[in-house]
Amino acid sequence: MSIQVKIVENDDELQQVHQIRQTVFVLEQHCPPEEEFDQYENEAVHFLVTENDSPIGAGRFRTVNGDGKVERICIKKEARKTGAGRLLMEEIESYAQTLELSKIRLNAQVQAIPFYQKLGYTICSEEFMEANIPHHSMEKSTNK
């Protein structure tokens, strides 16, 4: 099993990212498509996760108010618990370090909080609803 993570470089790869997000967030989790695909699509750096060249995961990254913001992290159901999510987050964090940002933030679905805590993120907000799903904001310092 060969899992790869890369920054999206062309329209075909971006379509694969959007298809994964459509599958996970819109179809599986019932997020409204107009919330999933927003005004930040063009400014975000998108990441694509593949396994043996088949798309299995995606995420995006933006710089917001001087901090990194990780968004839209998803792995297809059949590829979860394979380490793909961890590899995706490690790649995004490596990218963030090249920008010399001091902090990375994300909004985690409550059920995903243990995953992010294992990666060193801490909860920094009360619970809130986003796309009808309970979330907490989390953050991590990028200083190694």
Protein backbone atom coordinates (compact mmCIF):
# COMPACT_ATOMS: atom_id res chain seq x y z
CA MET A 1 0.00 0.00 0.00
CA SER A 2 1.51 3.26 -1.13
CA ILE A 3 -0.10 6.42 0.27
CA GLN A 4 1.06 9.71 -1.22
CA VAL A 5 0.16 13.31 -0.35
CA LYS A 6 0.73 16.14 -2.78
CA ILE A 7 -0.19 19.75 -3.36
CA VAL A 8 -2.74 20.05 -6.15
CA GLU A 9 -1.11 21.35 -9.31
CA ASN A 10 -3.81 21.19 -11.99
CA ASP A 11 -7.55 21.15 -12.66
CA ASP A 12 -7.73 17.35 -12.83
CA GLU A 13 -6.27 17.00 -9.33
CA LEU A 14 -8.58 19.75 -8.04
CA GLN A 15 -11.57 17.87 -9.49
CA GLN A 16 -10.42 14.76 -7.59
CA VAL A 17 -10.22 16.81 -4.37
CA HIS A 18 -13.72 18.18 -4.93
CA GLN A 19 -15.08 14.69 -5.66
CA ILE A 20 -13.66 13.34 -2.37
CA ARG A 21 -15.12 16.27 -0.43
CA GLN A 22 -18.47 15.77 -2.18
CA THR A 23 -18.43 12.09 -1.16
CA VAL A 24 -17.38 12.62 2.47
CA PHE A 25 -18.93 15.92 3.47
CA VAL A 26 -21.98 16.35 1.23
CA LEU A 27 -23.14 12.75 0.72
CA GLU A 28 -21.89 11.00 3.88
CA GLN A 29 -22.21 13.85 6.42
CA HIS A 30 -25.03 15.78 4.72
CA CYS A 31 -23.23 19.14 4.66
CA PRO A 32 -24.90 21.69 2.38
CA PRO A 33 -22.90 21.90 -0.89
CA GLU A 34 -22.99 25.70 -0.79
CA GLU A 35 -21.20 25.59 2.59
CA GLU A 36 -18.71 22.93 1.52
CA PHE A 37 -17.60 24.72 -1.65
CA ASP A 38 -17.12 28.34 -0.62
CA GLN A 39 -15.53 31.62 -1.67
CA TYR A 40 -12.08 30.45 -0.45
CA GLU A 41 -11.63 27.62 -2.99
CA ASN A 42 -9.45 29.73 -5.29
CA GLU A 43 -7.16 31.17 -2.60
CA ALA A 44 -6.61 27.91 -0.69
CA VAL A 45 -3.74 25.50 -1.26
CA HIS A 46 -5.34 22.11 -1.84
CA PHE A 47 -3.84 18.74 -0.90
CA LEU A 48 -4.68 15.40 -2.50
CA VAL A 49 -4.12 12.01 -0.87
CA THR A 50 -3.80 8.98 -3.12
CA GLU A 51 -3.30 5.29 -2.50
CA ASN A 52 -1.79 3.44 -5.43
CA ASP A 53 -2.72 6.48 -7.58
CA SER A 54 -6.39 6.32 -6.53
CA PRO A 55 -7.73 9.46 -4.76
CA ILE A 56 -8.68 8.73 -1.13
CA GLY A 57 -8.38 12.01 0.78
CA ALA A 58 -8.16 15.75 0.64
CA GLY A 59 -7.60 18.91 2.63
CA ARG A 60 -6.91 22.57 2.14
CA PHE A 61 -4.81 25.26 3.78
CA ARG A 62 -5.08 29.03 3.98
CA THR A 63 -3.32 31.80 5.85
CA VAL A 64 -5.88 33.70 7.96
CA ASN A 65 -4.93 36.62 10.22
CA GLY A 66 -1.29 35.55 10.23
CA ASP A 67 -1.98 31.95 11.26
CA GLY A 68 -2.30 28.78 9.24
CA LYS A 69 -5.84 27.45 8.86
CA VAL A 70 -6.36 23.79 8.04
CA GLU A 71 -9.72 23.07 6.46
CA ARG A 72 -11.78 20.35 4.79
CA ILE A 73 -9.71 17.40 6.01
CA CYS A 74 -11.35 14.19 4.82
CA ILE A 75 -10.49 10.61 4.03
CA LYS A 76 -12.87 8.29 2.21
CA LYS A 77 -14.56 5.81 4.54
CA GLU A 78 -12.77 2.77 3.13
CA ALA A 79 -9.35 4.39 3.63
CA ARG A 80 -9.78 5.54 7.24
CA LYS A 81 -7.54 4.07 9.96
CA THR A 82 -4.73 3.55 7.42
CA GLY A 83 -2.57 6.48 8.50
CA ALA A 84 -3.66 8.54 5.48
CA GLY A 85 -5.11 11.32 7.66
CA ARG A 86 -1.92 11.57 9.71
CA LEU A 87 0.20 11.73 6.53
CA LEU A 88 -2.09 14.44 5.14
CA MET A 89 -1.79 16.53 8.30
CA GLU A 90 2.00 16.07 8.42
CA GLU A 91 2.29 17.29 4.83
CA ILE A 92 0.08 20.33 5.50
CA GLU A 93 2.08 21.16 8.65
CA SER A 94 5.34 20.89 6.69
CA TYR A 95 3.92 23.31 4.14
CA ALA A 96 2.86 25.70 6.94
CA GLN A 97 6.38 25.65 8.37
CA THR A 98 7.77 26.85 5.03
CA LEU A 99 5.59 29.96 5.48
CA GLU A 100 7.06 30.53 8.96
CA LEU A 101 3.64 30.75 10.61
CA SER A 102 3.71 30.44 14.39
CA LYS A 103 0.35 28.73 14.80
CA ILE A 104 -1.98 26.41 12.93
CA ARG A 105 -5.70 26.45 13.65
CA LEU A 106 -8.56 24.21 12.59
CA ASN A 107 -12.20 23.57 13.37
CA ALA A 108 -12.54 19.91 14.31
CA GLN A 109 -15.71 17.87 14.29
CA VAL A 110 -16.22 16.61 17.84
CA GLN A 111 -15.77 12.98 16.75
CA ALA A 112 -12.37 13.87 15.18
CA ILE A 113 -10.93 15.64 18.24
CA PRO A 114 -8.96 12.59 19.52
CA PHE A 115 -7.27 12.31 16.11
CA TYR A 116 -6.12 15.94 16.22
CA GLN A 117 -5.11 15.70 19.89
CA LYS A 118 -2.74 12.84 18.99
CA LEU A 119 -1.14 15.23 16.49
CA GLY A 120 -0.58 17.87 19.20
CA TYR A 121 -3.61 20.12 18.73
CA THR A 122 -5.43 21.53 21.74
CA ILE A 123 -9.02 22.71 22.05
CA CYS A 124 -9.29 26.50 22.21
CA SER A 125 -13.04 27.16 21.95
CA GLU A 126 -16.42 26.19 23.26
CA GLU A 127 -18.40 23.76 21.14
CA PHE A 128 -20.17 25.34 18.16
CA MET A 129 -22.20 24.15 15.21
CA GLU A 130 -20.85 24.27 11.66
CA ALA A 131 -22.80 22.66 8.79
CA ASN A 132 -25.09 21.14 11.44
CA ILE A 133 -22.17 19.25 13.03
CA PRO A 134 -20.71 20.04 16.49
CA HIS A 135 -17.13 21.39 16.34
CA HIS A 136 -14.39 22.86 18.52
CA SER A 137 -11.62 25.15 17.32
CA MET A 138 -8.18 23.67 17.92
CA GLU A 139 -4.66 25.03 17.54
CA LYS A 140 -1.04 23.94 17.53
CA SER A 141 2.19 25.91 17.68
CA THR A 142 4.47 25.26 14.71
CA ASN A 143 7.63 25.86 16.77
CA LYS A 144 9.51 22.59 16.91
